[in-house]
C-alpha atoms as a PDB file:
ATOM      1  CA  MET A   1      45.635  60.261 -47.307  1.00  0.00           C
ATOM      2  CA  LYS A   2      42.790  57.799 -47.704  1.00  0.00           C
ATOM      3  CA  LEU A   3      42.753  54.659 -45.561  1.00  0.00           C
ATOM      4  CA  TYR A   4      40.828  51.414 -45.996  1.00  0.00           C
ATOM      5  CA  VAL A   5      39.480  49.883 -42.781  1.00  0.00           C
ATOM      6  CA  ASP A   6      38.230  46.298 -42.878  1.00  0.00           C
ATOM      7  CA  ASN A   7      36.616  43.882 -40.431  1.00  0.00           C
ATOM      8  CA  LEU A   8      34.276  46.376 -38.780  1.00  0.00           C
ATOM      9  CA  GLN A   9      31.427  45.118 -36.648  1.00  0.00           C
ATOM     10  CA  ARG A  10      28.050  45.751 -38.245  1.00  0.00           C
ATOM     11  CA  LYS A  11      27.084  48.028 -35.347  1.00  0.00           C
ATOM     12  CA  THR A  12      30.143  50.310 -35.712  1.00  0.00           C
ATOM     13  CA  THR A  13      29.144  53.903 -36.497  1.00  0.00           C
ATOM     14  CA  GLU A  14      30.925  56.642 -38.423  1.00  0.00           C
ATOM     15  CA  ALA A  15      31.136  58.636 -35.176  1.00  0.00           C
ATOM     16  CA  GLN A  16      32.917  55.773 -33.380  1.00  0.00           C
ATOM     17  CA  LEU A  17      35.355  55.331 -36.248  1.00  0.00           C
ATOM     18  CA  ARG A  18      36.035  59.087 -36.422  1.00  0.00           C
ATOM     19  CA  LYS A  19      36.748  59.196 -32.678  1.00  0.00           C
ATOM     20  CA  LEU A  20      39.147  56.260 -32.960  1.00  0.00           C
ATOM     21  CA  PHE A  21      41.165  57.861 -35.770  1.00  0.00           C
ATOM     22  CA  GLU A  22      41.059  61.394 -34.335  1.00  0.00           C
ATOM     23  CA  GLY A  23      43.373  60.085 -31.634  1.00  0.00           C
ATOM     24  CA  PHE A  24      46.068  60.187 -34.331  1.00  0.00           C
ATOM     25  CA  GLY A  25      45.239  63.440 -36.139  1.00  0.00           C
ATOM     26  CA  LYS A  26      42.668  65.403 -38.083  1.00  0.00           C
ATOM     27  CA  VAL A  27      40.073  63.329 -39.910  1.00  0.00           C
ATOM     28  CA  ALA A  28      38.651  64.877 -43.081  1.00  0.00           C
ATOM     29  CA  SER A  29      35.984  62.244 -43.755  1.00  0.00           C
ATOM     30  CA  VAL A  30      34.612  58.886 -42.639  1.00  0.00           C
ATOM     31  CA  LEU A  31      32.553  56.480 -44.723  1.00  0.00           C
ATOM     32  CA  ILE A  32      31.270  53.076 -43.670  1.00  0.00           C
ATOM     33  CA  VAL A  33      30.067  51.188 -46.741  1.00  0.00           C
ATOM     34  CA  ARG A  34      26.515  49.920 -46.352  1.00  0.00           C
ATOM     35  CA  GLU A  35      24.423  47.404 -48.302  1.00  0.00           C
ATOM     36  CA  ARG A  36      21.929  50.212 -48.955  1.00  0.00           C
ATOM     37  CA  PRO A  37      21.449  53.729 -47.537  1.00  0.00           C
ATOM     38  CA  GLY A  38      20.643  53.387 -43.851  1.00  0.00           C
ATOM     39  CA  GLY A  39      21.097  49.630 -44.092  1.00  0.00           C
ATOM     40  CA  PRO A  40      23.556  47.297 -42.398  1.00  0.00           C
ATOM     41  CA  SER A  41      27.286  47.783 -42.699  1.00  0.00           C
ATOM     42  CA  CYS A  42      29.253  45.712 -45.198  1.00  0.00           C
ATOM     43  CA  GLY A  43      32.049  45.517 -42.611  1.00  0.00           C
ATOM     44  CA  TYR A  44      34.478  47.964 -44.192  1.00  0.00           C
ATOM     45  CA  GLY A  45      34.944  51.651 -44.741  1.00  0.00           C
ATOM     46  CA  PHE A  46      37.262  54.517 -45.580  1.00  0.00           C
ATOM     47  CA  ILE A  47      38.906  57.247 -43.524  1.00  0.00           C
ATOM     48  CA  GLU A  48      40.524  60.309 -45.032  1.00  0.00           C
ATOM     49  CA  MET A  49      43.150  62.017 -42.896  1.00  0.00           C
ATOM     50  CA  ARG A  50      44.568  65.449 -43.702  1.00  0.00           C
ATOM     51  CA  GLU A  51      48.225  64.710 -42.914  1.00  0.00           C
ATOM     52  CA  VAL A  52      50.130  61.763 -44.409  1.00  0.00           C
ATOM     53  CA  SER A  53      52.316  61.429 -41.312  1.00  0.00           C
ATOM     54  CA  GLU A  54      49.254  61.201 -39.051  1.00  0.00           C
ATOM     55  CA  ALA A  55      47.656  58.628 -41.355  1.00  0.00           C
ATOM     56  CA  ARG A  56      50.790  56.480 -41.297  1.00  0.00           C
ATOM     57  CA  THR A  57      50.873  56.681 -37.493  1.00  0.00           C
ATOM     58  CA  ALA A  58      47.228  55.562 -37.390  1.00  0.00           C
ATOM     59  CA  ILE A  59      47.978  52.626 -39.711  1.00  0.00           C
ATOM     60  CA  ALA A  60      50.911  51.509 -37.552  1.00  0.00           C
ATOM     61  CA  ALA A  61      48.870  51.753 -34.359  1.00  0.00           C
ATOM     62  CA  LEU A  62      45.511  50.385 -35.501  1.00  0.00           C
ATOM     63  CA  ASN A  63      46.293  47.684 -38.077  1.00  0.00           C
ATOM     64  CA  GLY A  64      45.874  44.400 -36.209  1.00  0.00           C
ATOM     65  CA  SER A  65      44.222  46.035 -33.199  1.00  0.00           C
ATOM     66  CA  LEU A  66      40.857  45.117 -31.710  1.00  0.00           C
ATOM     67  CA  LEU A  67      37.706  47.172 -32.183  1.00  0.00           C
ATOM     68  CA  GLY A  68      35.066  45.412 -30.169  1.00  0.00           C
ATOM     69  CA  SER A  69      35.745  41.727 -30.721  1.00  0.00           C
ATOM     70  CA  LEU A  70      37.192  41.973 -34.244  1.00  0.00           C
ATOM     71  CA  VAL A  71      40.757  42.545 -35.423  1.00  0.00           C
ATOM     72  CA  LEU A  72      40.977  45.560 -37.732  1.00  0.00           C
ATOM     73  CA  THR A  73      42.828  45.735 -41.013  1.00  0.00           C
ATOM     74  CA  VAL A  74      43.956  49.311 -41.702  1.00  0.00           C
ATOM     75  CA  VAL A  75      45.924  50.031 -44.882  1.00  0.00           C
ATOM     76  CA  GLU A  76      46.415  52.830 -47.388  1.00  0.00           C
ATOM     77  CA  ALA A  77      43.528  52.844 -49.868  1.00  0.00           C
END
């Protein structure tokens, strides 16, 4: 299941996002959308989780939670 994650800090890395979501299950892929390759983050990204049940658990736990000083939006993409 693919998830949309919004309101990321510009300094958030794919590794940090992967670690956060791996607390809920197996992560197949992580993508933070950037203005250009290697450039600053646009503040949102996508996570793909292998199991639907794990993805739904991650949504329930992380939507509205803090990552750094920002409140995350996590929904099904």
